[in-house]
């Protein structure tokens, strides 16, 4: 018997998004790199912008967790809270590592 790891996050997404979800997730992986670089360079404007975009886009693709992380990034950038920004970057990395997408028709 094969068991799914307990730390996997399953997200159910409408089947009509099947062609664009992999690209969406790949773009979030790229965002991790941009966010990390921006934090190292104290570029809070870029972090705020990415957070705002993630907040808006996540739910539309069925990824509410990405919207929550994006909102937290946006807020942390506004407050110039570098440790909170790093925490949210780590949360995004964790989410992307564990997410499994199941398409429903």
PDB file of N, CA and C in Angstrom:
ATOM      1  N   UNK A   1       0.844  -1.171   0.000  1.00  0.00           N
ATOM      2  CA  UNK A   1       0.000   0.000   0.000  1.00  0.00           C
ATOM      3  C   UNK A   1       0.898   1.246   0.000  1.00  0.00           C
ATOM      4  N   UNK A   2       0.610   2.181  -0.924  1.00  0.00           N
ATOM      5  CA  UNK A   2       1.367   3.416  -1.020  1.00  0.00           C
ATOM      6  C   UNK A   2       0.602   4.518  -0.300  1.00  0.00           C
ATOM      7  N   UNK A   3       1.296   5.210   0.569  1.00  0.00           N
ATOM      8  CA  UNK A   3       0.639   6.289   1.306  1.00  0.00           C
ATOM      9  C   UNK A   3       1.261   7.614   0.887  1.00  0.00           C
ATOM     10  N   UNK A   4       0.402   8.616   0.750  1.00  0.00           N
ATOM     11  CA  UNK A   4       0.864   9.949   0.433  1.00  0.00           C
ATOM     12  C   UNK A   4       1.518  10.541   1.673  1.00  0.00           C
ATOM     13  N   UNK A   5       2.639  11.239   1.511  1.00  0.00           N
ATOM     14  CA  UNK A   5       3.262  11.843   2.688  1.00  0.00           C
ATOM     15  C   UNK A   5       2.282  12.782   3.392  1.00  0.00           C
ATOM     16  N   UNK A   6       2.327  12.781   4.704  1.00  0.00           N
ATOM     17  CA  UNK A   6       1.379  13.596   5.456  1.00  0.00           C
ATOM     18  C   UNK A   6       1.649  15.089   5.309  1.00  0.00           C
ATOM     19  N   UNK A   7       2.839  15.456   4.851  1.00  0.00           N
ATOM     20  CA  UNK A   7       3.139  16.876   4.733  1.00  0.00           C
ATOM     21  C   UNK A   7       2.804  17.444   3.350  1.00  0.00           C
ATOM     22  N   UNK A   8       2.182  16.645   2.502  1.00  0.00           N
ATOM     23  CA  UNK A   8       1.773  17.122   1.187  1.00  0.00           C
ATOM     24  C   UNK A   8       0.512  17.969   1.317  1.00  0.00           C
ATOM     25  N   UNK A   9       0.484  19.070   0.583  1.00  0.00           N
ATOM     26  CA  UNK A   9      -0.695  19.925   0.547  1.00  0.00           C
ATOM     27  C   UNK A   9      -1.398  19.686  -0.778  1.00  0.00           C
ATOM     28  N   UNK A  10      -2.640  19.257  -0.727  1.00  0.00           N
ATOM     29  CA  UNK A  10      -3.402  19.013  -1.948  1.00  0.00           C
ATOM     30  C   UNK A  10      -4.311  20.204  -2.207  1.00  0.00           C
ATOM     31  N   UNK A  11      -4.204  20.750  -3.415  1.00  0.00           N
ATOM     32  CA  UNK A  11      -5.047  21.874  -3.814  1.00  0.00           C
ATOM     33  C   UNK A  11      -5.881  21.417  -5.000  1.00  0.00           C
ATOM     34  N   UNK A  12      -7.189  21.567  -4.888  1.00  0.00           N
ATOM     35  CA  UNK A  12      -8.095  21.194  -5.970  1.00  0.00           C
ATOM     36  C   UNK A  12      -8.343  22.418  -6.847  1.00  0.00           C
ATOM     37  N   UNK A  13      -8.056  22.245  -8.138  1.00  0.00           N
ATOM     38  CA  UNK A  13      -8.137  23.351  -9.086  1.00  0.00           C
ATOM     39  C   UNK A  13      -9.053  22.945 -10.235  1.00  0.00           C
ATOM     40  N   UNK A  14      -9.821  23.895 -10.724  1.00  0.00           N
ATOM     41  CA  UNK A  14     -10.697  23.612 -11.857  1.00  0.00           C
ATOM     42  C   UNK A  14      -9.885  23.142 -13.054  1.00  0.00           C
ATOM     43  N   UNK A  15     -10.431  22.154 -13.740  1.00  0.00           N
ATOM     44  CA  UNK A  15      -9.725  21.522 -14.852  1.00  0.00           C
ATOM     45  C   UNK A  15      -9.381  22.508 -15.967  1.00  0.00           C
ATOM     46  N   UNK A  16     -10.219  23.534 -16.155  1.00  0.00           N
ATOM     47  CA  UNK A  16      -9.948  24.479 -17.238  1.00  0.00           C
ATOM     48  C   UNK A  16      -8.675  25.306 -17.002  1.00  0.00           C
ATOM     49  N   UNK A  17      -8.130  25.252 -15.793  1.00  0.00           N
ATOM     50  CA  UNK A  17      -6.872  25.950 -15.492  1.00  0.00           C
ATOM     51  C   UNK A  17      -5.647  25.051 -15.654  1.00  0.00           C
ATOM     52  N   UNK A  18      -5.876  23.801 -16.054  1.00  0.00           N
ATOM     53  CA  UNK A  18      -4.792  22.813 -16.082  1.00  0.00           C
ATOM     54  C   UNK A  18      -3.600  23.251 -16.935  1.00  0.00           C
ATOM     55  N   UNK A  19      -3.854  23.936 -18.035  1.00  0.00           N
ATOM     56  CA  UNK A  19      -2.751  24.330 -18.915  1.00  0.00           C
ATOM     57  C   UNK A  19      -1.926  25.484 -18.360  1.00  0.00           C
ATOM     58  N   UNK A  20      -2.519  26.304 -17.489  1.00  0.00           N
ATOM     59  CA  UNK A  20      -1.786  27.485 -17.027  1.00  0.00           C
ATOM     60  C   UNK A  20      -1.262  27.381 -15.594  1.00  0.00           C
ATOM     61  N   UNK A  21      -1.768  26.443 -14.810  1.00  0.00           N
ATOM     62  CA  UNK A  21      -1.315  26.322 -13.423  1.00  0.00           C
ATOM     63  C   UNK A  21       0.177  25.996 -13.313  1.00  0.00           C
ATOM     64  N   UNK A  22       0.731  25.070 -14.112  1.00  0.00           N
ATOM     65  CA  UNK A  22       2.181  24.815 -13.983  1.00  0.00           C
ATOM     66  C   UNK A  22       3.020  26.074 -14.207  1.00  0.00           C
ATOM     67  N   UNK A  23       2.642  26.898 -15.168  1.00  0.00           N
ATOM     68  CA  UNK A  23       3.362  28.149 -15.403  1.00  0.00           C
ATOM     69  C   UNK A  23       3.196  29.121 -14.250  1.00  0.00           C
ATOM     70  N   UNK A  24       1.990  29.159 -13.689  1.00  0.00           N
ATOM     71  CA  UNK A  24       1.740  30.015 -12.530  1.00  0.00           C
ATOM     72  C   UNK A  24       2.650  29.620 -11.369  1.00  0.00           C
ATOM     73  N   UNK A  25       2.728  28.329 -11.087  1.00  0.00           N
ATOM     74  CA  UNK A  25       3.576  27.860  -9.988  1.00  0.00           C
ATOM     75  C   UNK A  25       5.057  28.095 -10.280  1.00  0.00           C
ATOM     76  N   UNK A  26       5.457  27.927 -11.542  1.00  0.00           N
ATOM     77  CA  UNK A  26       6.847  28.185 -11.914  1.00  0.00           C
ATOM     78  C   UNK A  26       7.183  29.667 -11.715  1.00  0.00           C
ATOM     79  N   UNK A  27       6.239  30.537 -12.043  1.00  0.00           N
ATOM     80  CA  UNK A  27       6.456  31.967 -11.815  1.00  0.00           C
ATOM     81  C   UNK A  27       6.609  32.278 -10.329  1.00  0.00           C
ATOM     82  N   UNK A  28       5.888  31.555  -9.475  1.00  0.00           N
ATOM     83  CA  UNK A  28       6.037  31.771  -8.031  1.00  0.00           C
ATOM     84  C   UNK A  28       7.420  31.298  -7.577  1.00  0.00           C
ATOM     85  N   UNK A  29       7.940  30.239  -8.201  1.00  0.00           N
ATOM     86  CA  UNK A  29       9.298  29.786  -7.862  1.00  0.00           C
ATOM     87  C   UNK A  29      10.316  30.859  -8.249  1.00  0.00           C
ATOM     88  N   UNK A  30      10.079  31.510  -9.383  1.00  0.00           N
ATOM     89  CA  UNK A  30      10.949  32.618  -9.785  1.00  0.00           C
ATOM     90  C   UNK A  30      10.813  33.783  -8.812  1.00  0.00           C
ATOM     91  N   UNK A  31       9.591  34.003  -8.329  1.00  0.00           N
ATOM     92  CA  UNK A  31       9.370  35.072  -7.349  1.00  0.00           C
ATOM     93  C   UNK A  31      10.216  34.853  -6.102  1.00  0.00           C
ATOM     94  N   UNK A  32      10.392  33.601  -5.702  1.00  0.00           N
ATOM     95  CA  UNK A  32      11.214  33.300  -4.523  1.00  0.00           C
ATOM     96  C   UNK A  32      12.614  33.879  -4.722  1.00  0.00           C
ATOM     97  N   UNK A  33      13.186  33.663  -5.907  1.00  0.00           N
ATOM     98  CA  UNK A  33      14.529  34.181  -6.193  1.00  0.00           C
ATOM     99  C   UNK A  33      14.542  35.707  -6.170  1.00  0.00           C
ATOM    100  N   UNK A  34      13.540  36.310  -6.796  1.00  0.00           N
ATOM    101  CA  UNK A  34      13.456  37.768  -6.837  1.00  0.00           C
ATOM    102  C   UNK A  34      13.266  38.337  -5.436  1.00  0.00           C
ATOM    103  N   UNK A  35      12.397  37.706  -4.647  1.00  0.00           N
ATOM    104  CA  UNK A  35      12.165  38.163  -3.284  1.00  0.00           C
ATOM    105  C   UNK A  35      13.426  38.063  -2.432  1.00  0.00           C
ATOM    106  N   UNK A  36      14.149  36.958  -2.572  1.00  0.00           N
ATOM    107  CA  UNK A  36      15.375  36.750  -1.802  1.00  0.00           C
ATOM    108  C   UNK A  36      16.416  37.809  -2.155  1.00  0.00           C
ATOM    109  N   UNK A  37      16.579  38.045  -3.450  1.00  0.00           N
ATOM    110  CA  UNK A  37      17.526  39.064  -3.918  1.00  0.00           C
ATOM    111  C   UNK A  37      17.086  40.451  -3.453  1.00  0.00           C
ATOM    112  N   UNK A  38      15.788  40.723  -3.576  1.00  0.00           N
ATOM    113  CA  UNK A  38      15.268  42.035  -3.179  1.00  0.00           C
ATOM    114  C   UNK A  38      15.458  42.276  -1.691  1.00  0.00           C
ATOM    115  N   UNK A  39      15.255  41.246  -0.877  1.00  0.00           N
ATOM    116  CA  UNK A  39      15.450  41.386   0.559  1.00  0.00           C
ATOM    117  C   UNK A  39      16.922  41.674   0.870  1.00  0.00           C
ATOM    118  N   UNK A  40      17.825  40.972   0.199  1.00  0.00           N
ATOM    119  CA  UNK A  40      19.259  41.184   0.411  1.00  0.00           C
ATOM    120  C   UNK A  40      19.670  42.604   0.022  1.00  0.00           C
ATOM    121  N   UNK A  41      18.984  43.172  -0.960  1.00  0.00           N
ATOM    122  CA  UNK A  41      19.301  44.518  -1.444  1.00  0.00           C
ATOM    123  C   UNK A  41      18.415  45.590  -0.804  1.00  0.00           C
ATOM    124  N   UNK A  42      17.590  45.193   0.161  1.00  0.00           N
ATOM    125  CA  UNK A  42      16.643  46.106   0.822  1.00  0.00           C
ATOM    126  C   UNK A  42      15.720  46.801  -0.175  1.00  0.00           C
ATOM    127  N   UNK A  43      15.344  46.066  -1.217  1.00  0.00           N
ATOM    128  CA  UNK A  43      14.426  46.593  -2.237  1.00  0.00           C
ATOM    129  C   UNK A  43      12.992  46.255  -1.813  1.00  0.00           C
ATOM    130  N   UNK A  44      12.486  47.019  -0.863  1.00  0.00           N
ATOM    131  CA  UNK A  44      11.163  46.747  -0.304  1.00  0.00           C
ATOM    132  C   UNK A  44      10.044  47.054  -1.291  1.00  0.00           C
ATOM    133  N   UNK A  45      10.312  47.958  -2.226  1.00  0.00           N
ATOM    134  CA  UNK A  45       9.295  48.300  -3.229  1.00  0.00           C
ATOM    135  C   UNK A  45       8.975  47.074  -4.094  1.00  0.00           C
ATOM    136  N   UNK A  46       9.998  46.348  -4.530  1.00  0.00           N
ATOM    137  CA  UNK A  46       9.789  45.140  -5.336  1.00  0.00           C
ATOM    138  C   UNK A  46       9.068  44.071  -4.525  1.00  0.00           C
ATOM    139  N   UNK A  47       9.451  43.907  -3.268  1.00  0.00           N
ATOM    140  CA  UNK A  47       8.794  42.917  -2.405  1.00  0.00           C
ATOM    141  C   UNK A  47       7.317  43.268  -2.243  1.00  0.00           C
ATOM    142  N   UNK A  48       7.029  44.524  -2.032  1.00  0.00           N
ATOM    143  CA  UNK A  48       5.647  44.990  -1.892  1.00  0.00           C
ATOM    144  C   UNK A  48       4.864  44.693  -3.169  1.00  0.00           C
ATOM    145  N   UNK A  49       5.460  44.983  -4.304  1.00  0.00           N
ATOM    146  CA  UNK A  49       4.804  44.762  -5.600  1.00  0.00           C
ATOM    147  C   UNK A  49       4.514  43.276  -5.837  1.00  0.00           C
ATOM    148  N   UNK A  50       5.490  42.428  -5.585  1.00  0.00           N
ATOM    149  CA  UNK A  50       5.293  40.979  -5.767  1.00  0.00           C
ATOM    150  C   UNK A  50       4.232  40.472  -4.793  1.00  0.00           C
ATOM    151  N   UNK A  51       4.293  40.924  -3.548  1.00  0.00           N
ATOM    152  CA  UNK A  51       3.294  40.521  -2.565  1.00  0.00           C
ATOM    153  C   UNK A  51       1.894  40.923  -2.994  1.00  0.00           C
ATOM    154  N   UNK A  52       1.759  42.140  -3.488  1.00  0.00           N
ATOM    155  CA  UNK A  52       0.456  42.629  -3.942  1.00  0.00           C
ATOM    156  C   UNK A  52      -0.072  41.780  -5.099  1.00  0.00           C
ATOM    157  N   UNK A  53       0.801  41.463  -6.043  1.00  0.00           N
ATOM    158  CA  UNK A  53       0.400  40.650  -7.194  1.00  0.00           C
ATOM    159  C   UNK A  53       0.009  39.240  -6.764  1.00  0.00           C
ATOM    160  N   UNK A  54       0.783  38.659  -5.871  1.00  0.00           N
ATOM    161  CA  UNK A  54       0.464  37.310  -5.379  1.00  0.00           C
ATOM    162  C   UNK A  54      -0.870  37.313  -4.642  1.00  0.00           C
ATOM    163  N   UNK A  55      -1.110  38.351  -3.860  1.00  0.00           N
ATOM    164  CA  UNK A  55      -2.365  38.462  -3.108  1.00  0.00           C
ATOM    165  C   UNK A  55      -3.547  38.445  -4.077  1.00  0.00           C
ATOM    166  N   UNK A  56      -3.405  39.165  -5.178  1.00  0.00           N
ATOM    167  CA  UNK A  56      -4.491  39.239  -6.155  1.00  0.00           C
ATOM    168  C   UNK A  56      -4.634  37.995  -7.002  1.00  0.00           C
ATOM    169  N   UNK A  57      -3.517  37.391  -7.388  1.00  0.00           N
ATOM    170  CA  UNK A  57      -3.546  36.278  -8.343  1.00  0.00           C
ATOM    171  C   UNK A  57      -3.828  34.923  -7.706  1.00  0.00           C
ATOM    172  N   UNK A  58      -3.357  34.689  -6.500  1.00  0.00           N
ATOM    173  CA  UNK A  58      -3.426  33.362  -5.882  1.00  0.00           C
ATOM    174  C   UNK A  58      -4.810  32.756  -5.880  1.00  0.00           C
ATOM    175  N   UNK A  59      -5.777  33.478  -5.356  1.00  0.00           N
ATOM    176  CA  UNK A  59      -7.138  32.964  -5.255  1.00  0.00           C
ATOM    177  C   UNK A  59      -7.769  32.687  -6.606  1.00  0.00           C
ATOM    178  N   UNK A  60      -7.433  33.503  -7.591  1.00  0.00           N
ATOM    179  CA  UNK A  60      -7.988  33.323  -8.929  1.00  0.00           C
ATOM    180  C   UNK A  60      -7.551  32.017  -9.577  1.00  0.00           C
ATOM    181  N   UNK A  61      -6.413  31.513  -9.141  1.00  0.00           N
ATOM    182  CA  UNK A  61      -5.909  30.237  -9.647  1.00  0.00           C
ATOM    183  C   UNK A  61      -6.258  29.082  -8.713  1.00  0.00           C
ATOM    184  N   UNK A  62      -6.901  29.389  -7.603  1.00  0.00           N
ATOM    185  CA  UNK A  62      -7.277  28.354  -6.643  1.00  0.00           C
ATOM    186  C   UNK A  62      -6.265  28.144  -5.531  1.00  0.00           C
ATOM    187  N   UNK A  63      -5.304  29.040  -5.424  1.00  0.00           N
ATOM    188  CA  UNK A  63      -4.255  28.905  -4.416  1.00  0.00           C
ATOM    189  C   UNK A  63      -4.403  29.998  -3.365  1.00  0.00           C
ATOM    190  N   UNK A  64      -5.347  29.796  -2.451  1.00  0.00           N
ATOM    191  CA  UNK A  64      -5.599  30.792  -1.412  1.00  0.00           C
ATOM    192  C   UNK A  64      -4.367  31.029  -0.540  1.00  0.00           C
ATOM    193  N   UNK A  65      -3.570  29.993  -0.317  1.00  0.00           N
ATOM    194  CA  UNK A  65      -2.372  30.142   0.517  1.00  0.00           C
ATOM    195  C   UNK A  65      -1.406  31.148  -0.098  1.00  0.00           C
ATOM    196  N   UNK A  66      -1.319  31.176  -1.419  1.00  0.00           N
ATOM    197  CA  UNK A  66      -0.436  32.138  -2.088  1.00  0.00           C
ATOM    198  C   UNK A  66      -0.966  33.556  -1.878  1.00  0.00           C
ATOM    199  N   UNK A  67      -2.283  33.721  -1.897  1.00  0.00           N
ATOM    200  CA  UNK A  67      -2.863  35.045  -1.622  1.00  0.00           C
ATOM    201  C   UNK A  67      -2.544  35.489  -0.200  1.00  0.00           C
ATOM    202  N   UNK A  68      -2.636  34.577   0.747  1.00  0.00           N
ATOM    203  CA  UNK A  68      -2.346  34.901   2.151  1.00  0.00           C
ATOM    204  C   UNK A  68      -0.876  35.292   2.315  1.00  0.00           C
ATOM    205  N   UNK A  69       0.021  34.519   1.703  1.00  0.00           N
ATOM    206  CA  UNK A  69       1.452  34.824   1.775  1.00  0.00           C
ATOM    207  C   UNK A  69       1.727  36.177   1.108  1.00  0.00           C
ATOM    208  N   UNK A  70       1.096  36.409  -0.033  1.00  0.00           N
ATOM    209  CA  UNK A  70       1.283  37.680  -0.741  1.00  0.00           C
ATOM    210  C   UNK A  70       0.840  38.863   0.096  1.00  0.00           C
ATOM    211  N   UNK A  71      -0.313  38.741   0.746  1.00  0.00           N
ATOM    212  CA  UNK A  71      -0.805  39.828   1.601  1.00  0.00           C
ATOM    213  C   UNK A  71       0.159  40.087   2.754  1.00  0.00           C
ATOM    214  N   UNK A  72       0.686  39.018   3.332  1.00  0.00           N
ATOM    215  CA  UNK A  72       1.634  39.160   4.441  1.00  0.00           C
ATOM    216  C   UNK A  72       2.939  39.790   3.968  1.00  0.00           C
ATOM    217  N   UNK A  73       3.399  39.423   2.765  1.00  0.00           N
ATOM    218  CA  UNK A  73       4.602  40.043   2.199  1.00  0.00           C
ATOM    219  C   UNK A  73       4.383  41.535   1.977  1.00  0.00           C
ATOM    220  N   UNK A  74       3.242  41.865   1.417  1.00  0.00           N
ATOM    221  CA  UNK A  74       2.917  43.263   1.139  1.00  0.00           C
ATOM    222  C   UNK A  74       2.934  44.077   2.442  1.00  0.00           C
ATOM    223  N   UNK A  75       2.288  43.538   3.459  1.00  0.00           N
ATOM    224  CA  UNK A  75       2.216  44.218   4.757  1.00  0.00           C
ATOM    225  C   UNK A  75       3.598  44.333   5.404  1.00  0.00           C
ATOM    226  N   UNK A  76       4.384  43.256   5.343  1.00  0.00           N
ATOM    227  CA  UNK A  76       5.725  43.264   5.934  1.00  0.00           C
ATOM    228  C   UNK A  76       6.636  44.263   5.228  1.00  0.00           C
ATOM    229  N   UNK A  77       6.501  44.379   3.906  1.00  0.00           N
ATOM    230  CA  UNK A  77       7.316  45.337   3.161  1.00  0.00           C
ATOM    231  C   UNK A  77       6.940  46.764   3.557  1.00  0.00           C
ATOM    232  N   UNK A  78       5.647  47.012   3.727  1.00  0.00           N
ATOM    233  CA  UNK A  78       5.182  48.342   4.145  1.00  0.00           C
ATOM    234  C   UNK A  78       5.757  48.706   5.513  1.00  0.00           C
ATOM    235  N   UNK A  79       5.825  47.718   6.410  1.00  0.00           N
ATOM    236  CA  UNK A  79       6.349  47.945   7.763  1.00  0.00           C
ATOM    237  C   UNK A  79       7.876  47.853   7.822  1.00  0.00           C
ATOM    238  N   UNK A  80       8.505  47.510   6.685  1.00  0.00           N
ATOM    239  CA  UNK A  80       9.964  47.305   6.623  1.00  0.00           C
ATOM    240  C   UNK A  80      10.416  46.244   7.627  1.00  0.00           C
ATOM    241  N   UNK A  81       9.599  45.211   7.768  1.00  0.00           N
ATOM    242  CA  UNK A  81       9.866  44.122   8.714  1.00  0.00           C
ATOM    243  C   UNK A  81      10.586  42.987   7.976  1.00  0.00           C
ATOM    244  N   UNK A  82      11.905  43.054   7.980  1.00  0.00           N
ATOM    245  CA  UNK A  82      12.714  42.098   7.220  1.00  0.00           C
ATOM    246  C   UNK A  82      12.550  40.655   7.709  1.00  0.00           C
ATOM    247  N   UNK A  83      12.417  40.458   9.016  1.00  0.00           N
ATOM    248  CA  UNK A  83      12.259  39.083   9.507  1.00  0.00           C
ATOM    249  C   UNK A  83      10.910  38.513   9.071  1.00  0.00           C
ATOM    250  N   UNK A  84       9.861  39.331   9.045  1.00  0.00           N
ATOM    251  CA  UNK A  84       8.557  38.859   8.571  1.00  0.00           C
ATOM    252  C   UNK A  84       8.607  38.549   7.074  1.00  0.00           C
ATOM    253  N   UNK A  85       9.345  39.361   6.330  1.00  0.00           N
ATOM    254  CA  UNK A  85       9.497  39.095   4.893  1.00  0.00           C
ATOM    255  C   UNK A  85      10.172  37.749   4.700  1.00  0.00           C
ATOM    256  N   UNK A  86      11.264  37.514   5.415  1.00  0.00           N
ATOM    257  CA  UNK A  86      11.971  36.232   5.294  1.00  0.00           C
ATOM    258  C   UNK A  86      11.068  35.075   5.681  1.00  0.00           C
ATOM    259  N   UNK A  87      10.274  35.257   6.712  1.00  0.00           N
ATOM    260  CA  UNK A  87       9.345  34.216   7.154  1.00  0.00           C
ATOM    261  C   UNK A  87       8.358  33.876   6.030  1.00  0.00           C
ATOM    262  N   UNK A  88       7.853  34.886   5.337  1.00  0.00           N
ATOM    263  CA  UNK A  88       6.899  34.650   4.256  1.00  0.00           C
ATOM    264  C   UNK A  88       7.576  34.026   3.032  1.00  0.00           C
ATOM    265  N   UNK A  89       8.813  34.419   2.756  1.00  0.00           N
ATOM    266  CA  UNK A  89       9.559  33.764   1.668  1.00  0.00           C
ATOM    267  C   UNK A  89       9.706  32.277   1.993  1.00  0.00           C
ATOM    268  N   UNK A  90      10.065  31.977   3.242  1.00  0.00           N
ATOM    269  CA  UNK A  90      10.195  30.578   3.667  1.00  0.00           C
ATOM    270  C   UNK A  90       8.868  29.839   3.552  1.00  0.00           C
ATOM    271  N   UNK A  91       7.777  30.521   3.904  1.00  0.00           N
ATOM    272  CA  UNK A  91       6.444  29.903   3.797  1.00  0.00           C
ATOM    273  C   UNK A  91       6.108  29.596   2.338  1.00  0.00           C
ATOM    274  N   UNK A  92       6.480  30.494   1.433  1.00  0.00           N
ATOM    275  CA  UNK A  92       6.235  30.271   0.007  1.00  0.00           C
ATOM    276  C   UNK A  92       7.065  29.097  -0.503  1.00  0.00           C
ATOM    277  N   UNK A  93       8.325  29.028  -0.123  1.00  0.00           N
ATOM    278  CA  UNK A  93       9.184  27.905  -0.517  1.00  0.00           C
ATOM    279  C   UNK A  93       8.586  26.592  -0.020  1.00  0.00           C
ATOM    280  N   UNK A  94       8.156  26.580   1.234  1.00  0.00           N
ATOM    281  CA  UNK A  94       7.559  25.385   1.834  1.00  0.00           C
ATOM    282  C   UNK A  94       6.293  24.982   1.079  1.00  0.00           C
ATOM    283  N   UNK A  95       5.430  25.948   0.807  1.00  0.00           N
ATOM    284  CA  UNK A  95       4.185  25.665   0.088  1.00  0.00           C
ATOM    285  C   UNK A  95       4.490  25.066  -1.288  1.00  0.00           C
ATOM    286  N   UNK A  96       5.398  25.691  -2.031  1.00  0.00           N
ATOM    287  CA  UNK A  96       5.720  25.217  -3.387  1.00  0.00           C
ATOM    288  C   UNK A  96       6.338  23.828  -3.369  1.00  0.00           C
ATOM    289  N   UNK A  97       7.079  23.509  -2.322  1.00  0.00           N
ATOM    290  CA  UNK A  97       7.711  22.187  -2.210  1.00  0.00           C
ATOM    291  C   UNK A  97       6.691  21.098  -1.907  1.00  0.00           C
ATOM    292  N   UNK A  98       5.615  21.461  -1.213  1.00  0.00           N
ATOM    293  CA  UNK A  98       4.677  20.451  -0.747  1.00  0.00           C
ATOM    294  C   UNK A  98       3.368  20.367  -1.531  1.00  0.00           C
ATOM    295  N   UNK A  99       3.092  21.341  -2.369  1.00  0.00           N
ATOM    296  CA  UNK A  99       1.796  21.386  -3.032  1.00  0.00           C
ATOM    297  C   UNK A  99       1.663  20.305  -4.107  1.00  0.00           C
ATOM    298  N   UNK A 100       0.508  19.667  -4.111  1.00  0.00           N
ATOM    299  CA  UNK A 100       0.116  18.734  -5.156  1.00  0.00           C
ATOM    300  C   UNK A 100      -1.204  19.245  -5.712  1.00  0.00           C
ATOM    301  N   UNK A 101      -1.260  19.382  -7.024  1.00  0.00           N
ATOM    302  CA  UNK A 101      -2.466  19.909  -7.655  1.00  0.00           C
ATOM    303  C   UNK A 101      -3.325  18.754  -8.176  1.00  0.00           C
ATOM    304  N   UNK A 102      -4.599  18.777  -7.834  1.00  0.00           N
ATOM    305  CA  UNK A 102      -5.561  17.803  -8.335  1.00  0.00           C
ATOM    306  C   UNK A 102      -6.591  18.609  -9.133  1.00  0.00           C
ATOM    307  N   UNK A 103      -6.757  18.215 -10.391  1.00  0.00           N
ATOM    308  CA  UNK A 103      -7.699  18.938 -11.259  1.00  0.00           C
ATOM    309  C   UNK A 103      -9.064  18.281 -11.194  1.00  0.00           C
ATOM    310  N   UNK A 104     -10.071  19.111 -11.073  1.00  0.00           N
ATOM    311  CA  UNK A 104     -11.435  18.591 -11.022  1.00  0.00           C
ATOM    312  C   UNK A 104     -12.224  19.133 -12.207  1.00  0.00           C
ATOM    313  N   UNK A 105     -13.067  18.272 -12.752  1.00  0.00           N
ATOM    314  CA  UNK A 105     -13.799  18.632 -13.958  1.00  0.00           C
ATOM    315  C   UNK A 105     -15.108  19.276 -13.748  1.00  0.00           C
TER     316      UNK A 105
END
